[in-house]
Protein backbone atom coordinates (compact mmCIF):
# COMPACT_ATOMS: atom_id res chain seq x y z
CA MET A 1 0.00 0.00 0.00
CA GLY A 2 1.01 3.61 -0.45
CA PHE A 3 0.96 6.63 1.84
CA LEU A 4 -2.75 7.44 1.52
CA SER A 5 -3.91 3.84 1.93
CA ASP A 6 -1.71 3.27 4.97
CA LEU A 7 -2.79 6.49 6.64
CA THR A 8 -6.51 6.10 6.05
CA GLU A 9 -6.40 2.48 7.23
CA ARG A 10 -4.84 3.64 10.51
CA ILE A 11 -7.38 6.44 10.86
CA ARG A 12 -10.28 4.03 10.32
CA LYS A 13 -8.89 1.69 12.99
CA ASP A 14 -8.40 4.57 15.43
CA LEU A 15 -11.96 5.79 14.89
CA ALA A 16 -13.35 2.28 15.39
CA ALA A 17 -11.40 1.86 18.64
CA ASP A 18 -12.28 5.30 20.00
CA PRO A 19 -15.40 6.70 18.28
CA PRO A 20 -15.75 10.51 18.39
CA ASP A 21 -18.54 11.99 20.51
CA ALA A 22 -20.82 13.22 17.75
CA GLY A 23 -23.39 14.45 20.26
CA SER A 24 -21.00 16.93 21.86
CA PHE A 25 -20.03 18.28 18.44
CA LEU A 26 -23.68 18.82 17.53
CA LEU A 27 -24.28 20.73 20.77
CA ARG A 28 -21.35 22.99 19.97
CA ILE A 29 -22.46 23.50 16.36
CA ARG A 30 -25.87 24.74 17.52
CA THR A 31 -24.16 27.67 19.27
CA LEU A 32 -22.14 28.78 16.23
CA PRO A 33 -22.96 31.45 13.65
CA PRO A 34 -23.41 30.30 10.04
CA ALA A 35 -20.28 29.13 8.26
CA ARG A 36 -18.51 31.61 6.00
CA ASP A 37 -19.05 31.23 2.26
CA PHE A 38 -16.00 29.25 1.14
CA ASP A 39 -17.30 28.59 -2.37
CA GLY A 40 -18.31 32.22 -2.86
CA ALA A 41 -14.85 33.37 -1.78
CA LEU A 42 -13.26 31.22 -4.49
CA ARG A 43 -15.66 32.39 -7.20
CA GLY A 44 -14.66 36.04 -7.02
CA PRO A 45 -13.30 37.85 -10.09
CA GLY A 46 -9.91 36.70 -11.31
CA MET A 47 -7.81 33.92 -9.76
CA SER A 48 -8.36 33.20 -6.07
CA LEU A 49 -5.74 31.76 -3.74
CA ILE A 50 -6.22 29.44 -0.77
CA ALA A 51 -3.23 29.96 1.52
CA GLU A 52 -2.25 26.94 3.58
CA VAL A 53 -0.86 26.60 7.09
CA LYS A 54 1.34 23.50 6.83
CA GLN A 55 4.35 23.06 9.09
CA ALA A 56 5.50 19.71 7.68
CA SER A 57 4.59 17.14 5.04
CA PRO A 58 5.60 13.57 4.15
CA SER A 59 7.15 14.77 0.89
CA ALA A 60 9.02 17.82 2.22
CA GLY A 61 9.66 16.91 5.87
CA ASP A 62 9.75 19.85 8.26
CA ILE A 63 8.85 23.06 6.42
CA ALA A 64 8.55 25.88 8.96
CA GLU A 65 7.45 26.28 12.55
CA VAL A 66 5.27 29.38 12.81
CA ASP A 67 2.77 31.19 14.97
CA VAL A 68 -0.26 29.97 13.04
CA GLY A 69 -2.43 32.93 14.03
CA ALA A 70 0.17 35.45 12.87
CA GLN A 71 0.64 33.47 9.65
CA ALA A 72 -3.09 33.64 8.98
CA GLU A 73 -2.99 37.42 9.41
CA ARG A 74 -0.15 37.63 6.87
CA TYR A 75 -2.17 35.56 4.42
CA GLU A 76 -5.21 37.80 4.81
CA ARG A 77 -3.08 40.93 4.29
CA GLY A 78 -1.72 39.43 1.09
CA GLY A 79 -5.15 38.95 -0.42
CA ALA A 80 -5.83 35.24 0.15
CA ALA A 81 -9.46 34.30 -0.47
CA ALA A 82 -9.45 31.53 2.14
CA ILE A 83 -7.07 29.68 4.45
CA SER A 84 -6.41 25.94 4.60
CA VAL A 85 -5.23 24.46 7.90
CA LEU A 86 -3.61 21.03 8.14
CA THR A 87 -4.82 19.27 11.28
CA GLU A 88 -3.18 15.85 10.83
CA ALA A 89 -0.53 15.45 13.52
CA ARG A 90 1.82 12.60 12.64
CA HIS A 91 2.91 13.62 9.14
CA PHE A 92 1.93 17.30 8.93
CA LYS A 93 2.43 18.45 12.55
CA GLY A 94 -1.03 20.00 12.58
CA SER A 95 -3.86 19.95 15.10
CA LEU A 96 -7.39 21.10 15.75
CA THR A 97 -5.82 23.64 18.09
CA ASP A 98 -4.19 25.19 15.02
CA LEU A 99 -7.60 25.42 13.36
CA ARG A 100 -9.12 27.15 16.38
CA LEU A 101 -6.20 29.57 16.66
CA VAL A 102 -6.41 30.53 13.00
CA ARG A 103 -10.15 31.07 13.40
CA ARG A 104 -9.45 33.69 16.09
CA HIS A 105 -7.04 35.60 13.85
CA THR A 106 -8.91 35.88 10.55
CA SER A 107 -12.34 36.50 9.12
CA LEU A 108 -11.55 34.48 5.98
CA PRO A 109 -13.27 31.15 5.31
CA LEU A 110 -11.30 28.21 6.72
CA LEU A 111 -10.73 24.82 5.11
CA ARG A 112 -9.87 21.93 7.41
CA LYS A 113 -7.40 19.76 5.52
CA ASP A 114 -7.12 16.26 6.93
CA PHE A 115 -7.98 12.68 6.03
CA LEU A 116 -11.69 12.51 6.77
CA VAL A 117 -13.52 9.20 6.44
CA HIS A 118 -16.25 9.32 9.11
CA PRO A 119 -19.34 11.54 9.57
CA ALA A 120 -18.26 12.47 13.10
CA GLN A 121 -15.09 14.02 11.68
CA ILE A 122 -17.27 16.37 9.64
CA LEU A 123 -19.13 17.43 12.79
CA GLU A 124 -15.80 17.81 14.60
CA SER A 125 -14.57 20.11 11.83
CA ARG A 126 -17.58 22.41 12.04
CA ALA A 127 -17.45 22.44 15.84
CA ASN A 128 -13.82 23.59 15.73
CA GLY A 129 -14.33 26.52 13.38
CA ALA A 130 -14.04 25.11 9.86
CA ASP A 131 -16.17 26.54 7.06
CA ALA A 132 -15.15 23.79 4.63
CA VAL A 133 -13.48 20.39 4.68
CA LEU A 134 -11.29 18.42 2.29
CA LEU A 135 -12.67 15.08 1.10
CA ILE A 136 -10.25 12.88 -0.87
CA ALA A 137 -12.03 10.79 -3.48
CA ALA A 138 -9.36 8.08 -3.52
CA ALA A 139 -9.84 7.49 0.22
CA LEU A 140 -13.62 7.02 -0.01
CA THR A 141 -16.09 4.79 -1.77
CA ALA A 142 -18.76 6.53 -3.81
CA THR A 143 -21.28 5.73 -1.07
CA GLU A 144 -19.01 7.13 1.65
CA LEU A 145 -18.41 10.27 -0.37
CA GLU A 146 -22.13 10.91 -0.77
CA GLU A 147 -22.71 10.28 2.95
CA LEU A 148 -20.03 12.77 3.97
CA LEU A 149 -21.29 15.35 1.48
CA SER A 150 -24.76 14.94 2.96
CA VAL A 151 -23.46 15.55 6.49
CA CYS A 152 -21.59 18.63 5.25
CA SER A 153 -24.81 19.98 3.80
CA GLU A 154 -26.71 19.32 7.03
CA VAL A 155 -24.28 21.39 9.12
CA GLY A 156 -23.57 24.11 6.55
CA LEU A 157 -20.04 23.09 5.59
CA ALA A 158 -18.63 23.38 2.09
CA ALA A 159 -16.62 20.44 0.77
CA LEU A 160 -13.56 20.56 -1.47
CA VAL A 161 -13.57 17.11 -3.08
CA GLU A 162 -10.16 16.14 -4.40
CA ALA A 163 -9.18 14.00 -7.40
CA HIS A 164 -5.79 12.94 -8.74
CA THR A 165 -6.69 10.32 -11.36
CA GLN A 166 -9.34 10.00 -14.05
CA ALA A 167 -11.14 7.43 -11.90
CA ASP A 168 -11.14 9.86 -8.98
CA LEU A 169 -12.52 12.64 -11.15
CA ASP A 170 -15.26 10.42 -12.54
CA LYS A 171 -16.29 9.59 -8.96
CA VAL A 172 -16.31 13.25 -7.96
CA LEU A 173 -18.29 14.41 -11.00
CA ALA A 174 -20.87 11.67 -10.36
CA SER A 175 -21.36 13.01 -6.82
CA ALA A 176 -23.07 16.12 -5.50
CA ALA A 177 -19.72 17.90 -5.13
CA THR A 178 -19.75 21.52 -6.27
CA ILE A 179 -16.10 22.36 -5.46
CA VAL A 180 -13.64 20.06 -7.22
CA GLY A 181 -9.96 19.96 -6.34
CA VAL A 182 -7.34 18.48 -8.64
CA ASN A 183 -4.16 17.45 -6.86
CA ALA A 184 -0.97 17.31 -8.88
CA ARG A 185 0.51 15.02 -6.22
CA ASP A 186 -0.25 11.30 -6.11
CA LEU A 187 -0.94 10.72 -2.42
CA GLU A 188 0.05 7.06 -2.67
CA THR A 189 3.52 7.57 -4.20
CA LEU A 190 3.88 11.30 -3.33
CA GLU A 191 5.08 11.91 -6.90
CA MET A 192 4.02 15.02 -8.85
CA ASP A 193 2.35 15.18 -12.27
CA PRO A 194 1.35 18.81 -12.94
CA ALA A 195 0.48 18.16 -16.61
CA ARG A 196 -2.08 15.52 -15.69
CA ALA A 197 -3.60 17.82 -13.08
CA LEU A 198 -4.12 20.56 -15.66
CA ALA A 199 -5.60 18.07 -18.12
CA LEU A 200 -8.07 16.83 -15.51
CA ALA A 201 -8.97 20.38 -14.51
CA GLY A 202 -9.87 21.10 -18.12
CA GLN A 203 -12.48 18.30 -18.05
CA ILE A 204 -14.53 19.77 -15.21
CA PRO A 205 -17.77 21.23 -16.54
CA ALA A 206 -18.83 24.82 -16.04
CA GLY A 207 -20.81 25.44 -12.91
CA ARG A 208 -18.39 23.69 -10.56
CA THR A 209 -15.64 25.57 -8.75
CA VAL A 210 -12.20 24.22 -9.71
CA VAL A 211 -9.18 24.29 -7.38
CA LEU A 212 -5.65 23.28 -8.40
CA GLU A 213 -3.51 21.87 -5.58
CA SER A 214 0.15 21.05 -4.83
CA GLY A 215 3.52 22.27 -6.00
CA ILE A 216 2.47 25.79 -6.99
CA SER A 217 5.26 28.32 -6.48
CA SER A 218 5.44 30.49 -9.61
CA ARG A 219 3.32 32.93 -11.56
CA ARG A 220 3.82 30.79 -14.66
CA GLN A 221 2.01 27.90 -12.95
CA VAL A 222 -0.84 30.18 -11.87
CA ASP A 223 -1.21 31.51 -15.42
CA ALA A 224 -1.37 27.94 -16.75
CA ALA A 225 -4.07 27.15 -14.19
CA ALA A 226 -6.09 30.17 -15.28
CA GLU A 227 -5.87 29.06 -18.92
CA ALA A 228 -7.21 25.62 -17.88
CA GLY A 229 -10.30 27.20 -16.32
CA VAL A 230 -9.18 26.93 -12.70
CA ASN A 231 -10.92 29.27 -10.24
CA ALA A 232 -8.44 29.00 -7.36
CA VAL A 233 -5.01 27.66 -6.52
CA LEU A 234 -4.07 26.19 -3.16
CA VAL A 235 -0.55 27.16 -2.08
CA GLY A 236 1.19 25.89 1.03
CA GLU A 237 4.91 25.19 1.07
CA ALA A 238 5.89 28.23 -1.03
CA LEU A 239 4.10 30.53 1.43
CA MET A 240 5.34 28.75 4.54
CA ARG A 241 8.94 29.11 3.34
CA SER A 242 8.49 32.73 2.24
CA ALA A 243 10.04 35.55 4.26
CA ASP A 244 6.99 37.65 3.39
CA PRO A 245 3.93 35.53 2.53
CA ALA A 246 1.76 38.58 1.79
CA VAL A 247 4.18 39.72 -0.92
CA THR A 248 4.40 36.18 -2.32
CA ILE A 249 0.61 35.97 -2.61
CA ARG A 250 0.53 39.26 -4.51
CA ARG A 251 3.27 38.04 -6.86
CA LEU A 252 1.32 34.87 -7.59
CA ILE A 253 -2.13 36.36 -8.25
CA GLY A 254 -1.81 40.15 -8.10
CA SER A 255 -2.62 41.24 -11.64
CA LEU A 256 -5.14 38.43 -12.03
CA ARG A 257 -7.46 40.12 -9.51
CA PRO A 258 -9.14 43.53 -9.99
CA VAL A 259 -7.48 46.42 -8.16
CA ASP A 260 -9.50 48.94 -6.15
CA ALA A 261 -8.94 52.37 -7.69
CA VAL A 262 -8.94 54.10 -4.31
CA THR A 263 -6.93 51.79 -2.06
CA GLY A 264 -4.73 50.19 -4.69
CA ARG A 265 -5.41 46.79 -3.13
CA GLU A 266 -6.78 43.70 -4.87
CA ASP A 267 -10.52 43.27 -4.34
């Protein structure tokens, strides 16, 4: 098995041995205001950018140790449309605490990025401040994907449903998913294939929001994504390694977003 299969198998075993308390999450959710509009944030004029808080990864190892709240503020200053927060601990050094801290420091929509396979994890995400969650098509059966999408709808969460292969994309497009992510990285082998990602993105019909993920660090890549009909790019490592993430965001998407004539800032 590869990385994704091994990790999701462990997560399923952990959830079976220690089931989450769905009832407590529901009680918390009832006290929360409505989730922020993640999809709407990505559908603004020009190219949108989801800025990611990711302190490590299995492909890159340790990336950067940061104050996650301060990093979120930098992302918002740079013009990010939304923020993604890794919460997986073993390989990405993330946590739900990171998600809650970021929530306190930004008004932007938040995506919880983890390996979610159980309805209670969806409730947990909403209870801890997420406005959207990542669902990985390769980690879920078609039935599981529809079940998790249904739970997302019930609690007001958006779902970014990710594909890497043609089979993944077929599964996603057959589902109720409205936000489709295409990952250039194969999560089993951790190898990159940017050309395939762009080709898959070009197959997604109008009416669905398209997000390109992984390995984006240059304006040339963002321009290629725009030509393929992508609405938003998700950028993590390049921003985490940047001395000034706000400037890096502007370099990546600046002239692709309308500029306010009074403030000079991107809308």
